[in-house]
């Protein structure tokens, strides 16, 4: 996986970064239904991952990222990915690129080695 290679190149690791990347990539596939690009910046103190897709950020989406979504109904089998990102990452957010889509990003602290 691209994120794992970038972390290895920086001599850092984070299973959380891999999990959160998977969650956000799944969201693009299921909801945005566009291609996406990954940007990874890994250092000894922080790992930042951005996922750029082709759909602009709605007000509702920005609110979900900024205000931590609540738990969905127990009868719903999906809808927990953004909650996982917003509650587990050291920081996260969305960059609205208007007609060019958006970038959802998160930062995590590397695991101790």
C-alpha atoms as a PDB file:
ATOM      1  CA  UNK A   1       0.000   0.000   0.000  1.00  0.00           C
ATOM      2  CA  UNK A   2       1.186   3.486  -0.868  1.00  0.00           C
ATOM      3  CA  UNK A   3       0.760   4.875   2.660  1.00  0.00           C
ATOM      4  CA  UNK A   4       2.764   2.024   4.202  1.00  0.00           C
ATOM      5  CA  UNK A   5       5.604   2.568   1.693  1.00  0.00           C
ATOM      6  CA  UNK A   6       5.713   6.294   2.439  1.00  0.00           C
ATOM      7  CA  UNK A   7       5.812   5.645   6.189  1.00  0.00           C
ATOM      8  CA  UNK A   8       8.540   3.028   5.743  1.00  0.00           C
ATOM      9  CA  UNK A   9      10.561   5.521   3.729  1.00  0.00           C
ATOM     10  CA  UNK A  10      10.339   7.954   6.652  1.00  0.00           C
ATOM     11  CA  UNK A  11      11.101   5.099   9.100  1.00  0.00           C
ATOM     12  CA  UNK A  12       7.803   5.509  10.935  1.00  0.00           C
ATOM     13  CA  UNK A  13       4.779   3.272  11.379  1.00  0.00           C
ATOM     14  CA  UNK A  14       1.124   3.680  12.248  1.00  0.00           C
ATOM     15  CA  UNK A  15      -1.560   1.050  11.968  1.00  0.00           C
ATOM     16  CA  UNK A  16      -4.026   3.841  12.768  1.00  0.00           C
ATOM     17  CA  UNK A  17      -2.927   5.802   9.681  1.00  0.00           C
ATOM     18  CA  UNK A  18      -3.542   2.722   7.540  1.00  0.00           C
ATOM     19  CA  UNK A  19      -6.983   2.144   9.065  1.00  0.00           C
ATOM     20  CA  UNK A  20      -8.090   5.769   8.684  1.00  0.00           C
ATOM     21  CA  UNK A  21      -6.813   5.896   5.103  1.00  0.00           C
ATOM     22  CA  UNK A  22      -8.852   2.798   4.331  1.00  0.00           C
ATOM     23  CA  UNK A  23     -11.965   4.361   5.851  1.00  0.00           C
ATOM     24  CA  UNK A  24     -11.636   7.578   3.857  1.00  0.00           C
ATOM     25  CA  UNK A  25     -10.802   5.780   0.607  1.00  0.00           C
ATOM     26  CA  UNK A  26     -13.877   3.600   1.114  1.00  0.00           C
ATOM     27  CA  UNK A  27     -15.978   6.735   1.564  1.00  0.00           C
ATOM     28  CA  UNK A  28     -14.774   8.090  -1.780  1.00  0.00           C
ATOM     29  CA  UNK A  29     -15.586   4.824  -3.535  1.00  0.00           C
ATOM     30  CA  UNK A  30     -19.035   4.537  -1.949  1.00  0.00           C
ATOM     31  CA  UNK A  31     -20.185   8.169  -1.798  1.00  0.00           C
ATOM     32  CA  UNK A  32     -18.144  10.444  -4.066  1.00  0.00           C
ATOM     33  CA  UNK A  33     -17.678   7.787  -6.758  1.00  0.00           C
ATOM     34  CA  UNK A  34     -14.744   9.618  -8.310  1.00  0.00           C
ATOM     35  CA  UNK A  35     -11.060   8.896  -8.681  1.00  0.00           C
ATOM     36  CA  UNK A  36      -8.945   9.997  -5.743  1.00  0.00           C
ATOM     37  CA  UNK A  37      -5.370  10.951  -5.032  1.00  0.00           C
ATOM     38  CA  UNK A  38      -3.464  10.263  -1.825  1.00  0.00           C
ATOM     39  CA  UNK A  39      -0.880  12.620  -0.384  1.00  0.00           C
ATOM     40  CA  UNK A  40       1.251  11.372   2.514  1.00  0.00           C
ATOM     41  CA  UNK A  41       3.675  13.449   4.548  1.00  0.00           C
ATOM     42  CA  UNK A  42       5.408  11.274   7.140  1.00  0.00           C
ATOM     43  CA  UNK A  43       7.976  12.404   9.674  1.00  0.00           C
ATOM     44  CA  UNK A  44       9.227  11.252  13.054  1.00  0.00           C
ATOM     45  CA  UNK A  45       6.653  13.445  14.810  1.00  0.00           C
ATOM     46  CA  UNK A  46       3.533  13.351  12.605  1.00  0.00           C
ATOM     47  CA  UNK A  47       1.936  11.476   9.725  1.00  0.00           C
ATOM     48  CA  UNK A  48      -0.471  13.485   7.579  1.00  0.00           C
ATOM     49  CA  UNK A  49      -2.651  11.845   4.947  1.00  0.00           C
ATOM     50  CA  UNK A  50      -4.850  13.735   2.490  1.00  0.00           C
ATOM     51  CA  UNK A  51      -7.408  12.092   0.214  1.00  0.00           C
ATOM     52  CA  UNK A  52      -8.433  14.313  -2.707  1.00  0.00           C
ATOM     53  CA  UNK A  53     -11.622  13.448  -4.594  1.00  0.00           C
ATOM     54  CA  UNK A  54     -13.732  15.075  -7.285  1.00  0.00           C
ATOM     55  CA  UNK A  55     -16.797  16.133  -5.266  1.00  0.00           C
ATOM     56  CA  UNK A  56     -16.967  19.483  -3.470  1.00  0.00           C
ATOM     57  CA  UNK A  57     -17.521  19.595   0.271  1.00  0.00           C
ATOM     58  CA  UNK A  58     -21.112  20.279   1.275  1.00  0.00           C
ATOM     59  CA  UNK A  59     -21.994  22.192   4.417  1.00  0.00           C
ATOM     60  CA  UNK A  60     -23.309  18.955   5.936  1.00  0.00           C
ATOM     61  CA  UNK A  61     -20.049  17.142   5.200  1.00  0.00           C
ATOM     62  CA  UNK A  62     -17.937  19.954   6.683  1.00  0.00           C
ATOM     63  CA  UNK A  63     -20.092  19.872   9.811  1.00  0.00           C
ATOM     64  CA  UNK A  64     -19.615  16.121  10.145  1.00  0.00           C
ATOM     65  CA  UNK A  65     -15.839  16.551  10.056  1.00  0.00           C
ATOM     66  CA  UNK A  66     -15.720  19.602  12.320  1.00  0.00           C
ATOM     67  CA  UNK A  67     -18.289  18.532  14.938  1.00  0.00           C
ATOM     68  CA  UNK A  68     -17.658  14.792  15.180  1.00  0.00           C
ATOM     69  CA  UNK A  69     -20.665  12.839  13.922  1.00  0.00           C
ATOM     70  CA  UNK A  70     -22.690  10.941  16.449  1.00  0.00           C
ATOM     71  CA  UNK A  71     -23.216   7.220  16.347  1.00  0.00           C
ATOM     72  CA  UNK A  72     -25.666   6.013  13.731  1.00  0.00           C
ATOM     73  CA  UNK A  73     -28.613   3.840  14.696  1.00  0.00           C
ATOM     74  CA  UNK A  74     -27.652   0.355  15.828  1.00  0.00           C
ATOM     75  CA  UNK A  75     -29.807  -0.946  12.966  1.00  0.00           C
ATOM     76  CA  UNK A  76     -27.563   0.689  10.352  1.00  0.00           C
ATOM     77  CA  UNK A  77     -24.549  -1.340   9.200  1.00  0.00           C
ATOM     78  CA  UNK A  78     -22.462   1.593   7.923  1.00  0.00           C
ATOM     79  CA  UNK A  79     -21.768   5.211   8.815  1.00  0.00           C
ATOM     80  CA  UNK A  80     -19.067   4.883  11.422  1.00  0.00           C
ATOM     81  CA  UNK A  81     -16.012   5.732   9.298  1.00  0.00           C
ATOM     82  CA  UNK A  82     -16.007   9.497   9.814  1.00  0.00           C
ATOM     83  CA  UNK A  83     -16.657   9.007  13.524  1.00  0.00           C
ATOM     84  CA  UNK A  84     -13.584   6.780  13.646  1.00  0.00           C
ATOM     85  CA  UNK A  85     -11.494   9.415  11.845  1.00  0.00           C
ATOM     86  CA  UNK A  86     -12.676  12.376  13.906  1.00  0.00           C
ATOM     87  CA  UNK A  87     -12.339  10.575  17.224  1.00  0.00           C
ATOM     88  CA  UNK A  88      -9.031   8.773  16.577  1.00  0.00           C
ATOM     89  CA  UNK A  89      -6.880  11.245  14.657  1.00  0.00           C
ATOM     90  CA  UNK A  90      -4.792  13.890  16.410  1.00  0.00           C
ATOM     91  CA  UNK A  91      -6.342  16.372  13.959  1.00  0.00           C
ATOM     92  CA  UNK A  92      -8.523  16.190  10.867  1.00  0.00           C
ATOM     93  CA  UNK A  93     -10.350  18.457   8.495  1.00  0.00           C
ATOM     94  CA  UNK A  94     -11.572  19.152   5.003  1.00  0.00           C
ATOM     95  CA  UNK A  95     -10.222  21.470   2.327  1.00  0.00           C
ATOM     96  CA  UNK A  96     -12.941  22.556  -0.100  1.00  0.00           C
ATOM     97  CA  UNK A  97     -11.564  22.979  -3.622  1.00  0.00           C
ATOM     98  CA  UNK A  98     -14.916  24.069  -5.084  1.00  0.00           C
ATOM     99  CA  UNK A  99     -15.566  22.646  -8.538  1.00  0.00           C
ATOM    100  CA  UNK A 100     -12.309  20.679  -8.237  1.00  0.00           C
ATOM    101  CA  UNK A 101     -13.529  18.610  -5.287  1.00  0.00           C
ATOM    102  CA  UNK A 102     -12.225  18.388  -1.755  1.00  0.00           C
ATOM    103  CA  UNK A 103      -9.412  16.966   0.316  1.00  0.00           C
ATOM    104  CA  UNK A 104     -10.133  15.210   3.578  1.00  0.00           C
ATOM    105  CA  UNK A 105      -7.058  15.028   5.780  1.00  0.00           C
ATOM    106  CA  UNK A 106      -5.976  13.653   9.112  1.00  0.00           C
ATOM    107  CA  UNK A 107      -2.843  13.624  11.215  1.00  0.00           C
ATOM    108  CA  UNK A 108      -1.694  10.904  13.604  1.00  0.00           C
ATOM    109  CA  UNK A 109       1.340  10.486  15.801  1.00  0.00           C
ATOM    110  CA  UNK A 110       3.638   7.635  14.673  1.00  0.00           C
ATOM    111  CA  UNK A 111       3.795   4.522  16.814  1.00  0.00           C
ATOM    112  CA  UNK A 112       6.810   4.015  19.039  1.00  0.00           C
ATOM    113  CA  UNK A 113       9.385   1.678  17.588  1.00  0.00           C
END
